[in-house]
């Protein structure tokens, strides 16, 4: 075997058979805490650290209160793009988590980024909890529960904020909590948005 052929085989074996894109994400929040009702803003820096074109096929947020804006979706190797996000904090209180999911042309797609921050009470009034029944929040906190009862209803509109359930089992306390809410802890009152049957089905479920 000639030296030239041997050298060519060595060089060829050192080159990856397939050039691939590789997404790198850096997250930035303009503030780690805001007063409830204020907008939280930030952005993600999306960089292609791979050797092939990165195609960002889609981006979505975990709920309608988070809006996303991405201008450039095709990144050459070494290029970056900025994905801006705005979170509507009306009706929110305490530590809040939102996720942003990015779908790309990589094998390990999708990528999920978690954004967490604190929504602080605005004076003694707590949060404007009823704001979640308005657009765009209602698309997650109200509309999915229409005509549902018991566990399906809980999973549709309650579990996102109360994944571990409610500690009390007292029927009167549960009825007041669900119907009237508590602005000091960010709990909205559902009395104008649930039927009597739905309310009772939730009480029975939470007493189990």
N, C-alpha and C. Protein backbone atom coordinates (compact mmCIF):
# COMPACT_ATOMS: atom_id res chain seq x y z
N UNK A 1 0.85 -1.19 0.00
CA UNK A 1 0.00 0.00 0.00
C UNK A 1 0.89 1.24 0.00
N UNK A 2 0.58 2.17 -0.90
CA UNK A 2 1.40 3.37 -1.01
C UNK A 2 1.20 4.28 0.18
N UNK A 3 2.23 5.11 0.47
CA UNK A 3 2.13 6.05 1.60
C UNK A 3 1.00 7.05 1.39
N UNK A 4 0.79 7.50 0.13
CA UNK A 4 -0.25 8.47 -0.15
C UNK A 4 -1.63 7.91 0.13
N UNK A 5 -1.85 6.66 -0.25
CA UNK A 5 -3.14 6.03 -0.01
C UNK A 5 -3.37 5.84 1.48
N UNK A 6 -2.32 5.43 2.20
CA UNK A 6 -2.43 5.21 3.65
C UNK A 6 -2.74 6.52 4.36
N UNK A 7 -2.04 7.59 3.96
CA UNK A 7 -2.28 8.90 4.57
C UNK A 7 -3.71 9.37 4.30
N UNK A 8 -4.21 9.14 3.10
CA UNK A 8 -5.57 9.53 2.76
C UNK A 8 -6.60 8.80 3.59
N UNK A 9 -6.34 7.50 3.86
CA UNK A 9 -7.27 6.73 4.68
C UNK A 9 -7.28 7.22 6.11
N UNK A 10 -6.11 7.61 6.64
CA UNK A 10 -6.02 8.13 8.00
C UNK A 10 -6.76 9.44 8.12
N UNK A 11 -6.58 10.33 7.16
CA UNK A 11 -7.26 11.63 7.19
C UNK A 11 -8.76 11.45 7.06
N UNK A 12 -9.19 10.52 6.22
CA UNK A 12 -10.62 10.29 6.03
C UNK A 12 -11.26 9.76 7.31
N UNK A 13 -10.53 8.89 8.03
CA UNK A 13 -11.08 8.31 9.25
C UNK A 13 -11.20 9.34 10.36
N UNK A 14 -10.45 10.45 10.26
CA UNK A 14 -10.48 11.49 11.28
C UNK A 14 -11.60 12.49 11.07
N UNK A 15 -12.26 12.43 9.91
CA UNK A 15 -13.34 13.37 9.59
C UNK A 15 -14.68 12.71 9.91
N UNK A 16 -15.60 13.38 10.64
CA UNK A 16 -16.91 12.80 10.93
C UNK A 16 -17.65 12.43 9.65
N UNK A 17 -18.32 11.28 9.68
CA UNK A 17 -19.04 10.85 8.49
C UNK A 17 -20.19 11.78 8.18
N UNK A 18 -20.81 12.36 9.21
CA UNK A 18 -21.95 13.23 9.01
C UNK A 18 -21.76 14.52 9.79
N UNK A 19 -21.83 15.64 9.11
CA UNK A 19 -21.80 16.94 9.79
C UNK A 19 -23.18 17.18 10.38
N UNK A 20 -23.24 17.59 11.64
CA UNK A 20 -24.52 17.78 12.32
C UNK A 20 -24.59 19.14 12.98
N UNK A 21 -25.79 19.69 13.10
CA UNK A 21 -25.97 20.94 13.86
C UNK A 21 -25.97 20.62 15.35
N UNK A 22 -25.70 21.62 16.18
CA UNK A 22 -25.77 21.43 17.64
C UNK A 22 -26.22 22.73 18.28
N UNK A 23 -27.38 22.69 18.91
CA UNK A 23 -27.97 23.89 19.52
C UNK A 23 -27.39 24.12 20.92
N UNK A 24 -26.97 25.35 21.16
CA UNK A 24 -26.54 25.80 22.49
C UNK A 24 -27.47 26.93 22.92
N UNK A 25 -27.94 26.88 24.17
CA UNK A 25 -28.93 27.85 24.64
C UNK A 25 -28.42 28.57 25.88
N UNK A 26 -28.49 29.88 25.85
CA UNK A 26 -28.17 30.71 27.01
C UNK A 26 -29.40 31.52 27.36
N UNK A 27 -29.84 31.45 28.63
CA UNK A 27 -31.06 32.12 29.07
C UNK A 27 -30.72 33.40 29.83
N UNK A 28 -31.53 34.44 29.62
CA UNK A 28 -31.35 35.70 30.34
C UNK A 28 -32.70 36.28 30.74
N UNK A 29 -32.85 36.62 32.02
CA UNK A 29 -34.03 37.29 32.53
C UNK A 29 -33.68 38.74 32.85
N UNK A 30 -34.55 39.67 32.44
CA UNK A 30 -34.30 41.07 32.77
C UNK A 30 -34.46 41.33 34.26
N UNK A 31 -35.22 40.47 34.94
CA UNK A 31 -35.39 40.57 36.39
C UNK A 31 -35.81 39.20 36.91
N UNK A 32 -35.36 38.84 38.12
CA UNK A 32 -35.75 37.57 38.72
C UNK A 32 -37.06 37.68 39.51
N UNK A 33 -37.54 38.91 39.68
CA UNK A 33 -38.81 39.10 40.39
C UNK A 33 -39.50 40.34 39.86
N UNK A 34 -40.83 40.29 39.81
CA UNK A 34 -41.65 41.43 39.38
C UNK A 34 -42.89 41.47 40.27
N UNK A 35 -43.52 42.63 40.34
CA UNK A 35 -44.79 42.73 41.03
C UNK A 35 -45.86 42.03 40.21
N UNK A 36 -46.75 41.31 40.86
CA UNK A 36 -47.81 40.63 40.14
C UNK A 36 -48.58 41.61 39.27
N UNK A 37 -48.83 41.23 38.03
CA UNK A 37 -49.49 42.11 37.07
C UNK A 37 -48.53 42.77 36.11
N UNK A 38 -47.24 42.83 36.47
CA UNK A 38 -46.25 43.39 35.57
C UNK A 38 -45.78 42.33 34.58
N UNK A 39 -45.21 42.77 33.48
CA UNK A 39 -44.68 41.84 32.49
C UNK A 39 -43.24 41.47 32.86
N UNK A 40 -42.93 40.20 32.75
CA UNK A 40 -41.56 39.73 32.91
C UNK A 40 -40.98 39.51 31.53
N UNK A 41 -39.83 40.09 31.26
CA UNK A 41 -39.22 39.97 29.94
C UNK A 41 -37.85 39.30 30.04
N UNK A 42 -37.44 38.70 28.96
CA UNK A 42 -36.13 38.06 28.88
C UNK A 42 -35.91 37.53 27.49
N UNK A 43 -34.83 36.80 27.32
CA UNK A 43 -34.55 36.23 26.00
C UNK A 43 -33.64 35.01 26.12
N UNK A 44 -33.65 34.21 25.08
CA UNK A 44 -32.74 33.08 24.94
C UNK A 44 -31.82 33.36 23.76
N UNK A 45 -30.53 33.11 23.95
CA UNK A 45 -29.58 33.17 22.84
C UNK A 45 -29.41 31.75 22.31
N UNK A 46 -29.78 31.56 21.06
CA UNK A 46 -29.71 30.25 20.41
C UNK A 46 -28.52 30.25 19.47
N UNK A 47 -27.57 29.37 19.71
CA UNK A 47 -26.34 29.32 18.90
C UNK A 47 -26.17 27.94 18.28
N UNK A 48 -25.66 27.94 17.06
CA UNK A 48 -25.35 26.69 16.38
C UNK A 48 -23.86 26.41 16.53
N UNK A 49 -23.53 25.46 17.40
CA UNK A 49 -22.14 25.10 17.64
C UNK A 49 -21.75 23.84 16.87
N UNK A 50 -22.60 23.45 15.94
CA UNK A 50 -22.33 22.27 15.14
C UNK A 50 -21.65 22.60 13.83
N UNK A 51 -21.68 21.62 12.90
CA UNK A 51 -21.00 21.76 11.61
C UNK A 51 -21.96 21.78 10.44
N UNK A 52 -23.25 21.85 10.72
CA UNK A 52 -24.24 21.86 9.64
C UNK A 52 -25.33 22.86 9.99
N UNK A 53 -26.19 23.15 9.04
CA UNK A 53 -27.25 24.12 9.22
C UNK A 53 -28.21 23.67 10.32
N UNK A 54 -28.52 24.57 11.26
CA UNK A 54 -29.50 24.31 12.31
C UNK A 54 -30.82 24.94 11.91
N UNK A 55 -31.86 24.12 11.88
CA UNK A 55 -33.19 24.60 11.52
C UNK A 55 -34.08 24.53 12.76
N UNK A 56 -34.51 25.69 13.26
CA UNK A 56 -35.42 25.73 14.40
C UNK A 56 -36.84 25.64 13.83
N UNK A 57 -37.41 24.48 13.90
CA UNK A 57 -38.67 24.20 13.22
C UNK A 57 -39.89 24.76 13.94
N UNK A 58 -39.77 24.90 15.25
CA UNK A 58 -40.91 25.42 15.99
C UNK A 58 -40.53 25.76 17.42
N UNK A 59 -41.23 26.74 17.98
CA UNK A 59 -41.05 27.10 19.40
C UNK A 59 -42.44 27.26 20.01
N UNK A 60 -42.58 26.84 21.26
CA UNK A 60 -43.86 27.01 21.94
C UNK A 60 -43.62 27.17 23.42
N UNK A 61 -44.54 27.86 24.08
CA UNK A 61 -44.46 28.07 25.51
C UNK A 61 -45.45 27.15 26.22
N UNK A 62 -45.28 27.00 27.53
CA UNK A 62 -46.11 26.07 28.29
C UNK A 62 -47.53 26.57 28.47
N UNK A 63 -47.76 27.88 28.31
CA UNK A 63 -49.13 28.40 28.40
C UNK A 63 -49.24 29.71 27.64
N UNK A 64 -50.48 30.16 27.48
CA UNK A 64 -50.75 31.34 26.66
C UNK A 64 -50.26 32.65 27.24
N UNK A 65 -49.89 32.65 28.54
CA UNK A 65 -49.44 33.90 29.14
C UNK A 65 -48.01 34.24 28.75
N UNK A 66 -47.32 33.32 28.09
CA UNK A 66 -45.95 33.55 27.65
C UNK A 66 -45.92 33.67 26.13
N UNK A 67 -45.53 34.82 25.64
CA UNK A 67 -45.46 35.04 24.20
C UNK A 67 -44.00 35.00 23.76
N UNK A 68 -43.77 34.47 22.57
CA UNK A 68 -42.42 34.28 22.05
C UNK A 68 -42.26 35.01 20.73
N UNK A 69 -41.01 35.47 20.49
CA UNK A 69 -40.72 36.14 19.21
C UNK A 69 -39.32 35.71 18.75
N UNK A 70 -39.28 35.05 17.61
CA UNK A 70 -38.02 34.59 17.03
C UNK A 70 -38.00 34.96 15.56
N UNK A 71 -37.03 35.77 15.15
CA UNK A 71 -36.97 36.24 13.77
C UNK A 71 -36.24 35.26 12.86
N UNK A 72 -35.11 34.73 13.33
CA UNK A 72 -34.29 33.88 12.49
C UNK A 72 -34.38 32.43 12.93
N UNK A 73 -34.74 31.54 12.00
CA UNK A 73 -34.94 30.14 12.34
C UNK A 73 -33.93 29.20 11.67
N UNK A 74 -33.09 29.73 10.81
CA UNK A 74 -32.09 28.90 10.13
C UNK A 74 -30.71 29.48 10.44
N UNK A 75 -29.92 28.73 11.18
CA UNK A 75 -28.62 29.21 11.66
C UNK A 75 -27.49 28.39 11.05
N UNK A 76 -26.59 29.07 10.40
CA UNK A 76 -25.40 28.41 9.88
C UNK A 76 -24.45 28.12 11.05
N UNK A 77 -23.49 27.22 10.86
CA UNK A 77 -22.52 26.96 11.93
C UNK A 77 -21.86 28.25 12.41
N UNK A 78 -21.88 28.47 13.73
CA UNK A 78 -21.29 29.67 14.30
C UNK A 78 -22.24 30.83 14.46
N UNK A 79 -23.44 30.74 13.86
CA UNK A 79 -24.41 31.83 13.95
C UNK A 79 -25.27 31.71 15.21
N UNK A 80 -25.87 32.85 15.60
CA UNK A 80 -26.75 32.89 16.77
C UNK A 80 -28.01 33.70 16.44
N UNK A 81 -29.05 33.46 17.20
CA UNK A 81 -30.31 34.21 17.07
C UNK A 81 -30.87 34.43 18.47
N UNK A 82 -31.69 35.47 18.61
CA UNK A 82 -32.27 35.79 19.91
C UNK A 82 -33.77 35.52 19.89
N UNK A 83 -34.22 34.74 20.87
CA UNK A 83 -35.64 34.47 21.04
C UNK A 83 -36.11 35.28 22.24
N UNK A 84 -36.95 36.27 21.99
CA UNK A 84 -37.47 37.12 23.06
C UNK A 84 -38.75 36.52 23.63
N UNK A 85 -38.94 36.66 24.95
CA UNK A 85 -40.18 36.18 25.56
C UNK A 85 -40.71 37.20 26.56
N UNK A 86 -42.03 37.22 26.68
CA UNK A 86 -42.71 38.11 27.63
C UNK A 86 -43.74 37.27 28.37
N UNK A 87 -43.72 37.35 29.72
CA UNK A 87 -44.66 36.60 30.55
C UNK A 87 -45.64 37.58 31.18
N UNK A 88 -46.92 37.35 30.97
CA UNK A 88 -47.98 38.13 31.61
C UNK A 88 -48.20 37.55 33.00
N UNK A 89 -47.89 38.31 34.05
CA UNK A 89 -47.95 37.78 35.42
C UNK A 89 -49.26 38.10 36.13
N UNK A 90 -50.27 38.58 35.41
CA UNK A 90 -51.56 38.83 36.06
C UNK A 90 -52.10 37.54 36.67
N UNK A 91 -52.55 37.65 37.93
CA UNK A 91 -53.13 36.49 38.59
C UNK A 91 -52.12 35.51 39.15
N UNK A 92 -50.83 35.83 39.07
CA UNK A 92 -49.80 34.91 39.54
C UNK A 92 -49.14 35.46 40.79
N UNK A 93 -48.73 34.57 41.67
CA UNK A 93 -48.11 34.97 42.92
C UNK A 93 -47.17 33.87 43.38
N UNK A 94 -46.01 34.27 43.90
CA UNK A 94 -45.04 33.31 44.39
C UNK A 94 -44.05 32.89 43.31
N UNK A 95 -43.44 31.72 43.52
CA UNK A 95 -42.47 31.20 42.56
C UNK A 95 -43.20 30.62 41.35
N UNK A 96 -42.83 31.09 40.17
CA UNK A 96 -43.50 30.70 38.94
C UNK A 96 -42.49 30.02 38.01
N UNK A 97 -42.91 28.96 37.36
CA UNK A 97 -42.09 28.29 36.36
C UNK A 97 -42.83 28.25 35.03
N UNK A 98 -42.12 28.61 33.98
CA UNK A 98 -42.65 28.50 32.62
C UNK A 98 -41.62 27.76 31.78
N UNK A 99 -42.09 27.00 30.81
CA UNK A 99 -41.17 26.29 29.95
C UNK A 99 -41.31 26.76 28.50
N UNK A 100 -40.19 26.72 27.80
CA UNK A 100 -40.14 27.04 26.37
C UNK A 100 -39.55 25.82 25.67
N UNK A 101 -40.28 25.30 24.70
CA UNK A 101 -39.84 24.10 23.99
C UNK A 101 -39.43 24.47 22.57
N UNK A 102 -38.25 23.99 22.16
CA UNK A 102 -37.73 24.27 20.83
C UNK A 102 -37.57 22.97 20.06
N UNK A 103 -38.14 22.93 18.87
CA UNK A 103 -38.04 21.78 17.99
C UNK A 103 -37.05 22.12 16.87
N UNK A 104 -36.04 21.27 16.68
CA UNK A 104 -35.01 21.52 15.68
C UNK A 104 -34.82 20.29 14.80
N UNK A 105 -33.86 20.38 13.88
CA UNK A 105 -33.54 19.25 13.02
C UNK A 105 -32.45 18.36 13.62
N UNK A 106 -32.23 18.45 14.93
CA UNK A 106 -31.27 17.59 15.60
C UNK A 106 -31.92 16.27 16.01
N UNK A 107 -31.10 15.25 16.23
CA UNK A 107 -31.63 13.96 16.64
C UNK A 107 -32.20 14.01 18.05
N UNK A 108 -31.62 14.86 18.93
CA UNK A 108 -32.09 14.92 20.32
C UNK A 108 -33.16 15.99 20.55
N UNK A 109 -33.75 16.50 19.48
CA UNK A 109 -34.86 17.45 19.60
C UNK A 109 -36.08 16.73 20.16
N UNK A 110 -36.93 17.40 20.97
CA UNK A 110 -36.94 18.83 21.28
C UNK A 110 -36.08 19.18 22.50
N UNK A 111 -35.84 20.49 22.67
CA UNK A 111 -35.12 21.02 23.82
C UNK A 111 -36.09 21.83 24.67
N UNK A 112 -36.05 21.64 25.98
CA UNK A 112 -36.96 22.35 26.89
C UNK A 112 -36.15 23.23 27.84
N UNK A 113 -36.50 24.50 27.87
CA UNK A 113 -35.85 25.46 28.75
C UNK A 113 -36.86 25.91 29.80
N UNK A 114 -36.47 25.89 31.08
CA UNK A 114 -37.34 26.32 32.16
C UNK A 114 -36.95 27.72 32.62
N UNK A 115 -37.93 28.60 32.66
CA UNK A 115 -37.74 29.97 33.15
C UNK A 115 -38.46 30.08 34.48
N UNK A 116 -37.75 30.44 35.54
CA UNK A 116 -38.41 30.59 36.84
C UNK A 116 -38.14 31.96 37.42
N UNK A 117 -39.15 32.50 38.09
CA UNK A 117 -39.06 33.83 38.67
C UNK A 117 -40.06 33.94 39.81
N UNK A 118 -40.08 35.07 40.49
CA UNK A 118 -41.03 35.30 41.58
C UNK A 118 -41.97 36.45 41.23
N UNK A 119 -43.26 36.23 41.41
CA UNK A 119 -44.25 37.28 41.27
C UNK A 119 -44.60 37.75 42.68
N UNK A 120 -44.29 39.01 42.98
CA UNK A 120 -44.45 39.54 44.33
C UNK A 120 -45.80 40.23 44.50
N UNK A 121 -46.39 40.17 45.69
CA UNK A 121 -47.68 40.84 45.92
C UNK A 121 -47.54 42.34 45.80
N UNK A 122 -48.55 42.97 45.23
CA UNK A 122 -48.59 44.42 45.09
C UNK A 122 -49.39 45.00 46.25
N UNK A 123 -48.72 45.28 47.37
CA UNK A 123 -49.40 45.79 48.55
C UNK A 123 -50.15 44.68 49.27
N UNK A 124 -51.18 45.03 50.02
CA UNK A 124 -51.91 44.06 50.83
C UNK A 124 -53.00 43.34 50.06
N UNK A 125 -53.23 43.76 48.85
CA UNK A 125 -54.34 43.17 48.08
C UNK A 125 -53.99 41.84 47.44
N UNK A 126 -52.70 41.47 47.49
CA UNK A 126 -52.30 40.21 46.87
C UNK A 126 -52.31 40.30 45.36
N UNK A 127 -52.71 39.22 44.71
CA UNK A 127 -52.71 39.18 43.26
C UNK A 127 -54.12 39.36 42.71
N UNK A 128 -54.20 39.90 41.49
CA UNK A 128 -55.48 39.99 40.79
C UNK A 128 -55.76 38.61 40.21
N UNK A 129 -56.18 37.70 41.07
CA UNK A 129 -56.30 36.30 40.66
C UNK A 129 -57.33 36.08 39.57
N UNK A 130 -58.36 36.91 39.51
CA UNK A 130 -59.42 36.69 38.52
C UNK A 130 -58.95 36.98 37.10
N UNK A 131 -57.75 37.56 36.98
CA UNK A 131 -57.22 37.87 35.65
C UNK A 131 -56.97 36.61 34.83
N UNK A 132 -56.83 35.46 35.49
CA UNK A 132 -56.57 34.23 34.73
C UNK A 132 -57.79 33.78 33.94
N UNK A 133 -58.96 34.37 34.21
CA UNK A 133 -60.16 34.02 33.46
C UNK A 133 -60.34 34.90 32.23
N UNK A 134 -59.36 35.77 31.99
CA UNK A 134 -59.38 36.63 30.81
C UNK A 134 -58.36 36.11 29.80
N UNK A 135 -58.48 36.54 28.56
CA UNK A 135 -57.51 36.16 27.53
C UNK A 135 -56.16 36.82 27.83
N UNK A 136 -55.03 36.12 27.61
CA UNK A 136 -54.90 34.77 27.05
C UNK A 136 -54.89 33.67 28.10
N UNK A 137 -54.90 34.06 29.40
CA UNK A 137 -54.76 33.06 30.47
C UNK A 137 -55.88 32.02 30.47
N UNK A 138 -57.08 32.44 30.10
CA UNK A 138 -58.23 31.53 30.14
C UNK A 138 -58.04 30.31 29.24
N UNK A 139 -57.22 30.42 28.21
CA UNK A 139 -57.00 29.30 27.30
C UNK A 139 -56.35 28.11 27.99
N UNK A 140 -55.68 28.38 29.13
CA UNK A 140 -55.06 27.29 29.90
C UNK A 140 -55.79 27.02 31.21
N UNK A 141 -56.25 28.09 31.87
CA UNK A 141 -56.78 27.96 33.23
C UNK A 141 -58.29 27.76 33.30
N UNK A 142 -58.99 27.90 32.19
CA UNK A 142 -60.45 27.79 32.23
C UNK A 142 -61.00 26.92 31.10
N UNK A 143 -60.71 27.29 29.88
CA UNK A 143 -61.32 26.64 28.72
C UNK A 143 -61.14 25.12 28.67
N UNK A 144 -59.95 24.57 29.03
CA UNK A 144 -59.79 23.11 28.93
C UNK A 144 -60.71 22.32 29.86
N UNK A 145 -61.29 22.98 30.88
CA UNK A 145 -62.12 22.28 31.84
C UNK A 145 -63.60 22.30 31.54
N UNK A 146 -63.99 22.94 30.45
CA UNK A 146 -65.41 23.05 30.12
C UNK A 146 -66.05 21.66 30.00
N UNK A 147 -67.15 21.45 30.75
CA UNK A 147 -67.95 20.22 30.73
C UNK A 147 -67.27 19.03 31.40
N UNK A 148 -66.10 19.21 31.98
CA UNK A 148 -65.42 18.11 32.65
C UNK A 148 -65.77 18.08 34.14
N UNK A 149 -65.54 16.94 34.77
CA UNK A 149 -65.76 16.81 36.21
C UNK A 149 -64.67 15.94 36.83
N UNK A 150 -64.57 16.03 38.15
CA UNK A 150 -63.70 15.19 38.95
C UNK A 150 -62.24 15.24 38.47
N UNK A 151 -61.59 14.08 38.35
CA UNK A 151 -60.16 14.05 38.03
C UNK A 151 -59.82 14.67 36.68
N UNK A 152 -60.58 14.41 35.61
CA UNK A 152 -60.27 15.09 34.34
C UNK A 152 -60.33 16.61 34.45
N UNK A 153 -61.28 17.13 35.23
CA UNK A 153 -61.37 18.58 35.44
C UNK A 153 -60.16 19.08 36.22
N UNK A 154 -59.80 18.36 37.27
CA UNK A 154 -58.64 18.76 38.07
C UNK A 154 -57.37 18.77 37.22
N UNK A 155 -57.18 17.73 36.45
CA UNK A 155 -55.98 17.64 35.61
C UNK A 155 -55.94 18.73 34.55
N UNK A 156 -57.13 19.14 34.08
CA UNK A 156 -57.19 20.12 33.00
C UNK A 156 -56.88 21.54 33.46
N UNK A 157 -57.37 21.94 34.64
CA UNK A 157 -57.23 23.35 35.03
C UNK A 157 -56.62 23.57 36.41
N UNK A 158 -56.47 22.53 37.21
CA UNK A 158 -55.98 22.70 38.58
C UNK A 158 -54.56 22.20 38.77
N UNK A 159 -54.22 21.09 38.14
CA UNK A 159 -52.96 20.41 38.42
C UNK A 159 -51.74 21.25 38.08
N UNK A 160 -51.86 22.17 37.13
CA UNK A 160 -50.70 22.97 36.75
C UNK A 160 -50.22 23.84 37.90
N UNK A 161 -51.10 24.19 38.81
CA UNK A 161 -50.73 25.00 39.97
C UNK A 161 -50.76 24.21 41.27
N UNK A 162 -51.49 23.08 41.28
CA UNK A 162 -51.65 22.29 42.51
C UNK A 162 -51.37 20.82 42.19
N UNK A 163 -50.18 20.55 41.71
CA UNK A 163 -49.85 19.19 41.29
C UNK A 163 -49.91 18.20 42.44
N UNK A 164 -49.60 18.66 43.64
CA UNK A 164 -49.60 17.76 44.80
C UNK A 164 -50.92 17.77 45.55
N UNK A 165 -51.94 18.42 45.00
CA UNK A 165 -53.25 18.46 45.63
C UNK A 165 -53.38 19.55 46.67
N UNK A 166 -54.46 19.49 47.44
CA UNK A 166 -54.75 20.45 48.52
C UNK A 166 -54.67 19.70 49.84
N UNK A 167 -54.04 20.28 50.84
CA UNK A 167 -53.80 19.57 52.10
C UNK A 167 -55.09 19.29 52.88
N UNK A 168 -56.00 20.25 52.94
CA UNK A 168 -57.21 20.04 53.74
C UNK A 168 -58.17 19.06 53.09
N UNK A 169 -58.94 18.34 53.93
CA UNK A 169 -59.97 17.43 53.44
C UNK A 169 -61.36 17.88 53.90
N UNK A 170 -61.42 19.00 54.59
CA UNK A 170 -62.69 19.52 55.10
C UNK A 170 -63.53 20.05 53.94
N UNK A 171 -64.76 19.57 53.82
CA UNK A 171 -65.60 19.94 52.68
C UNK A 171 -65.93 21.42 52.65
N UNK A 172 -66.20 22.02 53.82
CA UNK A 172 -66.53 23.45 53.86
C UNK A 172 -65.33 24.30 53.45
N UNK A 173 -64.14 23.92 53.94
CA UNK A 173 -62.92 24.65 53.59
C UNK A 173 -62.62 24.53 52.10
N UNK A 174 -62.80 23.32 51.56
CA UNK A 174 -62.54 23.11 50.13
C UNK A 174 -63.52 23.90 49.27
N UNK A 175 -64.79 23.91 49.68
CA UNK A 175 -65.80 24.66 48.93
C UNK A 175 -65.47 26.15 48.91
N UNK A 176 -65.08 26.70 50.05
CA UNK A 176 -64.73 28.12 50.12
C UNK A 176 -63.47 28.41 49.31
N UNK A 177 -62.48 27.54 49.43
CA UNK A 177 -61.21 27.73 48.72
C UNK A 177 -61.43 27.75 47.20
N UNK A 178 -62.18 26.77 46.71
CA UNK A 178 -62.40 26.68 45.27
C UNK A 178 -63.31 27.81 44.78
N UNK A 179 -64.36 28.11 45.52
CA UNK A 179 -65.34 29.10 45.09
C UNK A 179 -64.83 30.53 45.21
N UNK A 180 -64.26 30.86 46.37
CA UNK A 180 -63.87 32.25 46.66
C UNK A 180 -62.41 32.54 46.37
N UNK A 181 -61.54 31.51 46.45
CA UNK A 181 -60.12 31.72 46.23
C UNK A 181 -59.46 32.43 47.40
N UNK A 182 -58.21 32.83 47.20
CA UNK A 182 -57.44 33.57 48.20
C UNK A 182 -56.37 34.37 47.50
N UNK A 183 -56.58 35.67 47.40
CA UNK A 183 -55.65 36.53 46.66
C UNK A 183 -54.27 36.58 47.30
N UNK A 184 -54.19 36.34 48.61
CA UNK A 184 -52.90 36.41 49.29
C UNK A 184 -51.95 35.29 48.89
N UNK A 185 -52.49 34.19 48.40
CA UNK A 185 -51.63 33.08 47.96
C UNK A 185 -51.79 32.82 46.46
N UNK A 186 -52.50 33.72 45.76
CA UNK A 186 -52.63 33.60 44.31
C UNK A 186 -53.66 32.61 43.84
N UNK A 187 -54.61 32.25 44.70
CA UNK A 187 -55.66 31.30 44.33
C UNK A 187 -56.89 32.02 43.83
N UNK A 188 -57.32 31.80 42.59
CA UNK A 188 -58.52 32.45 42.06
C UNK A 188 -59.80 31.78 42.56
N UNK A 189 -60.88 32.51 42.56
CA UNK A 189 -62.18 31.94 42.91
C UNK A 189 -62.93 31.51 41.66
N UNK A 190 -63.41 30.27 41.65
CA UNK A 190 -64.04 29.69 40.46
C UNK A 190 -65.57 29.69 40.52
N UNK A 191 -66.16 30.41 41.49
CA UNK A 191 -67.61 30.27 41.68
C UNK A 191 -68.43 30.68 40.48
N UNK A 192 -67.94 31.59 39.66
CA UNK A 192 -68.69 32.02 38.48
C UNK A 192 -68.32 31.21 37.23
N UNK A 193 -67.44 30.24 37.40
CA UNK A 193 -66.93 29.53 36.23
C UNK A 193 -67.12 28.02 36.32
N UNK A 194 -67.61 27.52 37.47
CA UNK A 194 -67.89 26.09 37.62
C UNK A 194 -69.36 25.89 37.95
N UNK A 195 -69.92 24.80 37.45
CA UNK A 195 -71.28 24.44 37.83
C UNK A 195 -71.26 23.81 39.23
N UNK A 196 -72.42 23.70 39.84
CA UNK A 196 -72.50 23.05 41.14
C UNK A 196 -71.99 21.62 41.10
N UNK A 197 -72.29 20.93 40.02
CA UNK A 197 -71.83 19.55 39.87
C UNK A 197 -70.32 19.46 39.75
N UNK A 198 -69.73 20.39 39.01
CA UNK A 198 -68.27 20.40 38.88
C UNK A 198 -67.61 20.68 40.23
N UNK A 199 -68.16 21.65 40.97
CA UNK A 199 -67.61 22.01 42.27
C UNK A 199 -67.64 20.80 43.22
N UNK A 200 -68.78 20.11 43.28
CA UNK A 200 -68.91 18.96 44.16
C UNK A 200 -67.98 17.83 43.74
N UNK A 201 -67.80 17.67 42.45
CA UNK A 201 -66.93 16.60 41.96
C UNK A 201 -65.48 16.84 42.38
N UNK A 202 -65.05 18.11 42.40
CA UNK A 202 -63.70 18.45 42.84
C UNK A 202 -63.55 18.23 44.34
N UNK A 203 -64.57 18.60 45.09
CA UNK A 203 -64.52 18.42 46.56
C UNK A 203 -64.38 16.93 46.90
N UNK A 204 -65.19 16.09 46.25
CA UNK A 204 -65.12 14.65 46.52
C UNK A 204 -63.76 14.09 46.12
N UNK A 205 -63.22 14.55 45.01
CA UNK A 205 -61.92 14.09 44.55
C UNK A 205 -60.82 14.44 45.55
N UNK A 206 -60.84 15.68 46.05
CA UNK A 206 -59.80 16.14 46.96
C UNK A 206 -59.94 15.55 48.36
N UNK A 207 -61.08 14.99 48.67
CA UNK A 207 -61.27 14.34 49.98
C UNK A 207 -60.78 12.88 49.98
N UNK A 208 -60.46 12.36 48.84
CA UNK A 208 -60.03 10.96 48.75
C UNK A 208 -58.65 10.77 49.38
